[in-house]
Amino acid sequence: MDDIVVALNKAPSCDRAMKVFEACEFGASGDVQLGAVVEKKCEGDFLSRLKDPQRRAYQREMRVCDRKYRNESGTMYVSFTAFCRAIVAQRYSHRAQKLAGSSPRR
């Protein structure tokens, strides 16, 4: 697990971190830690530049992920939530890069 976290942190971009996450997923609660690293990596591309309405929209989308599987039991649903959150962060990263005029680094 520690080696995967190191690889995620060293990933040069949000998309690369997501690829590592997808390749190394556990399909269980361990994915929460990995997904959080991906979120943080992707948020570095956009979070500080979001205006309040955009920030609220982002937080709302993250809460949707948190609620999506809340009534399900089993650790795989915890993994699904982690992936949902990472995908939202990746999508916002892509939008920020598009607005900045650069294509996402893969």
N, C-alpha and C. Protein backbone atom coordinates (compact mmCIF):
# COMPACT_ATOMS: atom_id res chain seq x y z
N MET A 1 0.83 -1.19 0.00
CA MET A 1 0.00 0.00 0.00
C MET A 1 0.87 1.25 0.00
N ASP A 2 1.91 1.26 0.84
CA ASP A 2 2.78 2.43 0.91
C ASP A 2 3.46 2.71 -0.43
N ASP A 3 3.86 1.66 -1.13
CA ASP A 3 4.51 1.84 -2.43
C ASP A 3 3.54 2.44 -3.45
N ILE A 4 2.29 2.06 -3.38
CA ILE A 4 1.28 2.60 -4.30
C ILE A 4 1.06 4.08 -4.00
N VAL A 5 0.99 4.43 -2.73
CA VAL A 5 0.81 5.83 -2.35
C VAL A 5 2.00 6.66 -2.85
N VAL A 6 3.20 6.13 -2.72
CA VAL A 6 4.39 6.83 -3.23
C VAL A 6 4.27 7.02 -4.74
N ALA A 7 3.87 5.97 -5.46
CA ALA A 7 3.72 6.06 -6.92
C ALA A 7 2.66 7.10 -7.30
N LEU A 8 1.57 7.14 -6.55
CA LEU A 8 0.52 8.13 -6.82
C LEU A 8 1.04 9.56 -6.60
N ASN A 9 1.75 9.73 -5.51
CA ASN A 9 2.30 11.06 -5.22
C ASN A 9 3.33 11.50 -6.25
N LYS A 10 4.08 10.55 -6.80
CA LYS A 10 5.11 10.87 -7.78
C LYS A 10 4.56 11.01 -9.20
N ALA A 11 3.31 10.63 -9.41
CA ALA A 11 2.71 10.73 -10.74
C ALA A 11 2.79 12.18 -11.22
N PRO A 12 3.18 12.40 -12.47
CA PRO A 12 3.37 13.76 -12.95
C PRO A 12 2.08 14.52 -13.24
N SER A 13 0.96 13.83 -13.24
CA SER A 13 -0.31 14.49 -13.56
C SER A 13 -1.47 13.77 -12.90
N CYS A 14 -2.59 14.43 -12.93
CA CYS A 14 -3.83 13.85 -12.43
C CYS A 14 -4.16 12.56 -13.18
N ASP A 15 -4.06 12.62 -14.51
CA ASP A 15 -4.42 11.44 -15.31
C ASP A 15 -3.50 10.26 -15.04
N ARG A 16 -2.22 10.53 -14.86
CA ARG A 16 -1.28 9.43 -14.54
C ARG A 16 -1.60 8.84 -13.17
N ALA A 17 -1.93 9.70 -12.23
CA ALA A 17 -2.30 9.20 -10.89
C ALA A 17 -3.55 8.32 -10.99
N MET A 18 -4.51 8.74 -11.81
CA MET A 18 -5.73 7.94 -11.98
C MET A 18 -5.40 6.58 -12.60
N LYS A 19 -4.49 6.55 -13.57
CA LYS A 19 -4.10 5.28 -14.19
C LYS A 19 -3.46 4.34 -13.16
N VAL A 20 -2.62 4.88 -12.29
CA VAL A 20 -2.01 4.07 -11.23
C VAL A 20 -3.11 3.54 -10.30
N PHE A 21 -4.02 4.42 -9.93
CA PHE A 21 -5.14 4.04 -9.05
C PHE A 21 -5.94 2.90 -9.67
N GLU A 22 -6.28 3.02 -10.94
CA GLU A 22 -7.05 1.98 -11.63
C GLU A 22 -6.27 0.67 -11.68
N ALA A 23 -4.98 0.75 -11.93
CA ALA A 23 -4.16 -0.46 -12.04
C ALA A 23 -3.94 -1.15 -10.71
N CYS A 24 -3.97 -0.38 -9.64
CA CYS A 24 -3.62 -0.92 -8.32
C CYS A 24 -4.81 -1.03 -7.37
N GLU A 25 -5.99 -0.85 -7.86
CA GLU A 25 -7.16 -0.87 -6.98
C GLU A 25 -7.30 -2.20 -6.25
N PHE A 26 -7.86 -2.10 -5.06
CA PHE A 26 -8.10 -3.29 -4.24
C PHE A 26 -9.54 -3.76 -4.36
N GLY A 27 -10.44 -2.86 -4.77
CA GLY A 27 -11.86 -3.19 -4.80
C GLY A 27 -12.42 -3.30 -3.41
N ALA A 28 -11.79 -2.61 -2.47
CA ALA A 28 -12.19 -2.68 -1.07
C ALA A 28 -11.89 -1.34 -0.40
N SER A 29 -11.97 -1.32 0.90
CA SER A 29 -11.82 -0.07 1.65
C SER A 29 -10.43 0.55 1.53
N GLY A 30 -9.42 -0.22 1.16
CA GLY A 30 -8.09 0.33 0.96
C GLY A 30 -8.04 1.37 -0.14
N ASP A 31 -9.03 1.34 -1.02
CA ASP A 31 -9.08 2.30 -2.12
C ASP A 31 -9.38 3.71 -1.65
N VAL A 32 -9.92 3.85 -0.45
CA VAL A 32 -10.21 5.19 0.07
C VAL A 32 -8.92 6.00 0.19
N GLN A 33 -7.89 5.40 0.74
CA GLN A 33 -6.62 6.09 0.89
C GLN A 33 -6.02 6.43 -0.47
N LEU A 34 -6.07 5.49 -1.39
CA LEU A 34 -5.51 5.73 -2.72
C LEU A 34 -6.31 6.81 -3.45
N GLY A 35 -7.62 6.73 -3.37
CA GLY A 35 -8.47 7.71 -4.02
C GLY A 35 -8.25 9.11 -3.47
N ALA A 36 -8.00 9.22 -2.19
CA ALA A 36 -7.76 10.53 -1.57
C ALA A 36 -6.48 11.16 -2.14
N VAL A 37 -5.48 10.34 -2.40
CA VAL A 37 -4.23 10.86 -2.98
C VAL A 37 -4.50 11.36 -4.40
N VAL A 38 -5.30 10.61 -5.16
CA VAL A 38 -5.64 11.03 -6.52
C VAL A 38 -6.44 12.34 -6.49
N GLU A 39 -7.41 12.41 -5.59
CA GLU A 39 -8.19 13.65 -5.45
C GLU A 39 -7.28 14.84 -5.22
N LYS A 40 -6.38 14.70 -4.27
CA LYS A 40 -5.46 15.80 -3.93
C LYS A 40 -4.59 16.17 -5.13
N LYS A 41 -4.09 15.17 -5.85
CA LYS A 41 -3.27 15.42 -7.03
C LYS A 41 -4.07 16.20 -8.07
N CYS A 42 -5.29 15.77 -8.34
CA CYS A 42 -6.13 16.43 -9.34
C CYS A 42 -6.56 17.82 -8.88
N GLU A 43 -6.88 17.96 -7.61
CA GLU A 43 -7.31 19.25 -7.07
C GLU A 43 -6.23 20.31 -7.20
N GLY A 44 -4.99 19.89 -7.24
CA GLY A 44 -3.90 20.84 -7.42
C GLY A 44 -3.99 21.59 -8.74
N ASP A 45 -4.71 21.02 -9.71
CA ASP A 45 -4.88 21.65 -11.01
C ASP A 45 -5.96 22.73 -11.03
N PHE A 46 -6.86 22.72 -10.04
CA PHE A 46 -8.00 23.62 -10.16
C PHE A 46 -8.53 24.23 -8.87
N LEU A 47 -8.37 23.58 -7.75
CA LEU A 47 -9.10 23.97 -6.54
C LEU A 47 -8.85 25.42 -6.13
N SER A 48 -7.63 25.88 -6.20
CA SER A 48 -7.32 27.24 -5.76
C SER A 48 -7.91 28.30 -6.70
N ARG A 49 -8.24 27.91 -7.91
CA ARG A 49 -8.77 28.85 -8.90
C ARG A 49 -10.30 28.87 -8.98
N LEU A 50 -10.96 27.98 -8.25
CA LEU A 50 -12.42 27.95 -8.31
C LEU A 50 -13.02 29.14 -7.57
N LYS A 51 -14.00 29.74 -8.19
CA LYS A 51 -14.77 30.78 -7.52
C LYS A 51 -15.79 30.08 -6.63
N ASP A 52 -16.39 30.81 -5.71
CA ASP A 52 -17.30 30.21 -4.73
C ASP A 52 -18.40 29.34 -5.36
N PRO A 53 -19.10 29.80 -6.39
CA PRO A 53 -20.15 28.94 -6.97
C PRO A 53 -19.59 27.64 -7.54
N GLN A 54 -18.41 27.73 -8.17
CA GLN A 54 -17.79 26.52 -8.72
C GLN A 54 -17.33 25.58 -7.61
N ARG A 55 -16.81 26.16 -6.53
CA ARG A 55 -16.36 25.36 -5.40
C ARG A 55 -17.55 24.62 -4.76
N ARG A 56 -18.67 25.34 -4.64
CA ARG A 56 -19.87 24.69 -4.09
C ARG A 56 -20.37 23.57 -5.00
N ALA A 57 -20.31 23.79 -6.30
CA ALA A 57 -20.72 22.74 -7.25
C ALA A 57 -19.81 21.52 -7.12
N TYR A 58 -18.52 21.75 -6.99
CA TYR A 58 -17.57 20.65 -6.82
C TYR A 58 -17.87 19.89 -5.52
N GLN A 59 -18.06 20.61 -4.45
CA GLN A 59 -18.37 19.97 -3.18
C GLN A 59 -19.69 19.20 -3.25
N ARG A 60 -20.66 19.74 -3.97
CA ARG A 60 -21.94 19.06 -4.13
C ARG A 60 -21.76 17.75 -4.89
N GLU A 61 -20.95 17.77 -5.95
CA GLU A 61 -20.70 16.54 -6.71
C GLU A 61 -19.99 15.49 -5.85
N MET A 62 -19.09 15.95 -4.99
CA MET A 62 -18.40 15.01 -4.09
C MET A 62 -19.39 14.41 -3.10
N ARG A 63 -20.31 15.21 -2.60
CA ARG A 63 -21.32 14.69 -1.67
C ARG A 63 -22.25 13.68 -2.36
N VAL A 64 -22.52 13.90 -3.65
CA VAL A 64 -23.32 12.93 -4.40
C VAL A 64 -22.61 11.58 -4.40
N CYS A 65 -21.31 11.61 -4.62
CA CYS A 65 -20.53 10.36 -4.57
C CYS A 65 -20.63 9.71 -3.18
N ASP A 66 -20.53 10.53 -2.15
CA ASP A 66 -20.57 10.02 -0.78
C ASP A 66 -21.93 9.37 -0.48
N ARG A 67 -22.99 9.91 -1.06
CA ARG A 67 -24.33 9.38 -0.79
C ARG A 67 -24.73 8.22 -1.69
N LYS A 68 -24.09 8.12 -2.83
CA LYS A 68 -24.52 7.18 -3.87
C LYS A 68 -24.64 5.74 -3.36
N TYR A 69 -23.69 5.29 -2.58
CA TYR A 69 -23.69 3.90 -2.11
C TYR A 69 -23.84 3.78 -0.60
N ARG A 70 -24.30 4.82 0.04
CA ARG A 70 -24.33 4.83 1.51
C ARG A 70 -25.23 3.75 2.10
N ASN A 71 -26.23 3.29 1.36
CA ASN A 71 -27.14 2.28 1.89
C ASN A 71 -26.73 0.86 1.50
N GLU A 72 -25.58 0.75 0.87
CA GLU A 72 -25.08 -0.57 0.46
C GLU A 72 -24.09 -1.07 1.49
N SER A 73 -24.02 -2.38 1.63
CA SER A 73 -23.06 -2.93 2.58
C SER A 73 -21.96 -3.65 1.79
N GLY A 74 -20.80 -3.67 2.37
CA GLY A 74 -19.66 -4.33 1.73
C GLY A 74 -18.60 -3.31 1.35
N THR A 75 -17.37 -3.76 1.43
CA THR A 75 -16.26 -2.84 1.19
C THR A 75 -16.12 -2.44 -0.27
N MET A 76 -16.68 -3.22 -1.19
CA MET A 76 -16.56 -2.83 -2.59
C MET A 76 -17.30 -1.52 -2.85
N TYR A 77 -18.35 -1.25 -2.09
CA TYR A 77 -19.08 0.02 -2.26
C TYR A 77 -18.27 1.20 -1.73
N VAL A 78 -17.44 0.94 -0.76
CA VAL A 78 -16.52 1.98 -0.28
C VAL A 78 -15.53 2.31 -1.40
N SER A 79 -15.07 1.28 -2.10
CA SER A 79 -14.18 1.47 -3.24
C SER A 79 -14.88 2.25 -4.35
N PHE A 80 -16.14 1.91 -4.63
CA PHE A 80 -16.89 2.62 -5.67
C PHE A 80 -16.98 4.11 -5.34
N THR A 81 -17.19 4.42 -4.07
CA THR A 81 -17.27 5.81 -3.63
C THR A 81 -15.93 6.51 -3.86
N ALA A 82 -14.84 5.86 -3.52
CA ALA A 82 -13.50 6.44 -3.71
C ALA A 82 -13.25 6.72 -5.19
N PHE A 83 -13.65 5.81 -6.06
CA PHE A 83 -13.48 6.01 -7.49
C PHE A 83 -14.37 7.14 -8.00
N CYS A 84 -15.59 7.19 -7.54
CA CYS A 84 -16.50 8.27 -7.93
C CYS A 84 -15.88 9.62 -7.62
N ARG A 85 -15.37 9.78 -6.40
CA ARG A 85 -14.76 11.04 -5.98
C ARG A 85 -13.53 11.37 -6.83
N ALA A 86 -12.70 10.38 -7.10
CA ALA A 86 -11.51 10.60 -7.91
C ALA A 86 -11.88 11.01 -9.34
N ILE A 87 -12.92 10.41 -9.87
CA ILE A 87 -13.38 10.73 -11.23
C ILE A 87 -13.90 12.16 -11.29
N VAL A 88 -14.63 12.59 -10.27
CA VAL A 88 -15.11 13.98 -10.22
C VAL A 88 -13.92 14.94 -10.21
N ALA A 89 -12.94 14.66 -9.37
CA ALA A 89 -11.76 15.53 -9.30
C ALA A 89 -11.02 15.54 -10.64
N GLN A 90 -10.92 14.40 -11.28
CA GLN A 90 -10.26 14.32 -12.58
C GLN A 90 -11.02 15.14 -13.62
N ARG A 91 -12.33 15.07 -13.59
CA ARG A 91 -13.15 15.84 -14.55
C ARG A 91 -12.93 17.34 -14.36
N TYR A 92 -12.87 17.80 -13.13
CA TYR A 92 -12.62 19.22 -12.85
C TYR A 92 -11.21 19.60 -13.29
N SER A 93 -10.26 18.71 -13.12
CA SER A 93 -8.90 18.95 -13.59
C SER A 93 -8.88 19.15 -15.10
N HIS A 94 -9.60 18.28 -15.82
CA HIS A 94 -9.67 18.40 -17.27
C HIS A 94 -10.29 19.73 -17.68
N ARG A 95 -11.35 20.12 -17.01
CA ARG A 95 -12.00 21.40 -17.33
C ARG A 95 -11.04 22.57 -17.12
N ALA A 96 -10.32 22.54 -16.02
CA ALA A 96 -9.38 23.62 -15.72
C ALA A 96 -8.29 23.69 -16.78
N GLN A 97 -7.79 22.55 -17.19
CA GLN A 97 -6.74 22.53 -18.21
C GLN A 97 -7.27 22.99 -19.56
N LYS A 98 -8.52 22.65 -19.86
CA LYS A 98 -9.13 23.08 -21.11
C LYS A 98 -9.29 24.60 -21.11
N LEU A 99 -9.73 25.15 -19.99
CA LEU A 99 -9.88 26.60 -19.88
C LEU A 99 -8.54 27.33 -19.97
N ALA A 100 -7.51 26.67 -19.48
CA ALA A 100 -6.17 27.26 -19.52
C ALA A 100 -5.54 27.12 -20.90
N GLY A 101 -6.20 26.37 -21.77
CA GLY A 101 -5.71 26.23 -23.13
C GLY A 101 -4.72 25.11 -23.35
N SER A 102 -4.62 24.21 -22.39
CA SER A 102 -3.72 23.08 -22.57
C SER A 102 -4.51 21.79 -22.46
N SER A 103 -4.06 20.78 -23.16
CA SER A 103 -4.74 19.49 -23.07
C SER A 103 -4.22 18.74 -21.84
N PRO A 104 -5.06 17.91 -21.23
CA PRO A 104 -4.63 17.16 -20.04
C PRO A 104 -3.44 16.26 -20.35
N ARG A 105 -2.49 16.24 -19.44
CA ARG A 105 -1.34 15.34 -19.57
C ARG A 105 -1.75 13.94 -19.17
N ARG A 106 -1.49 13.01 -19.99
CA ARG A 106 -1.90 11.63 -19.72
C ARG A 106 -0.68 10.88 -19.34
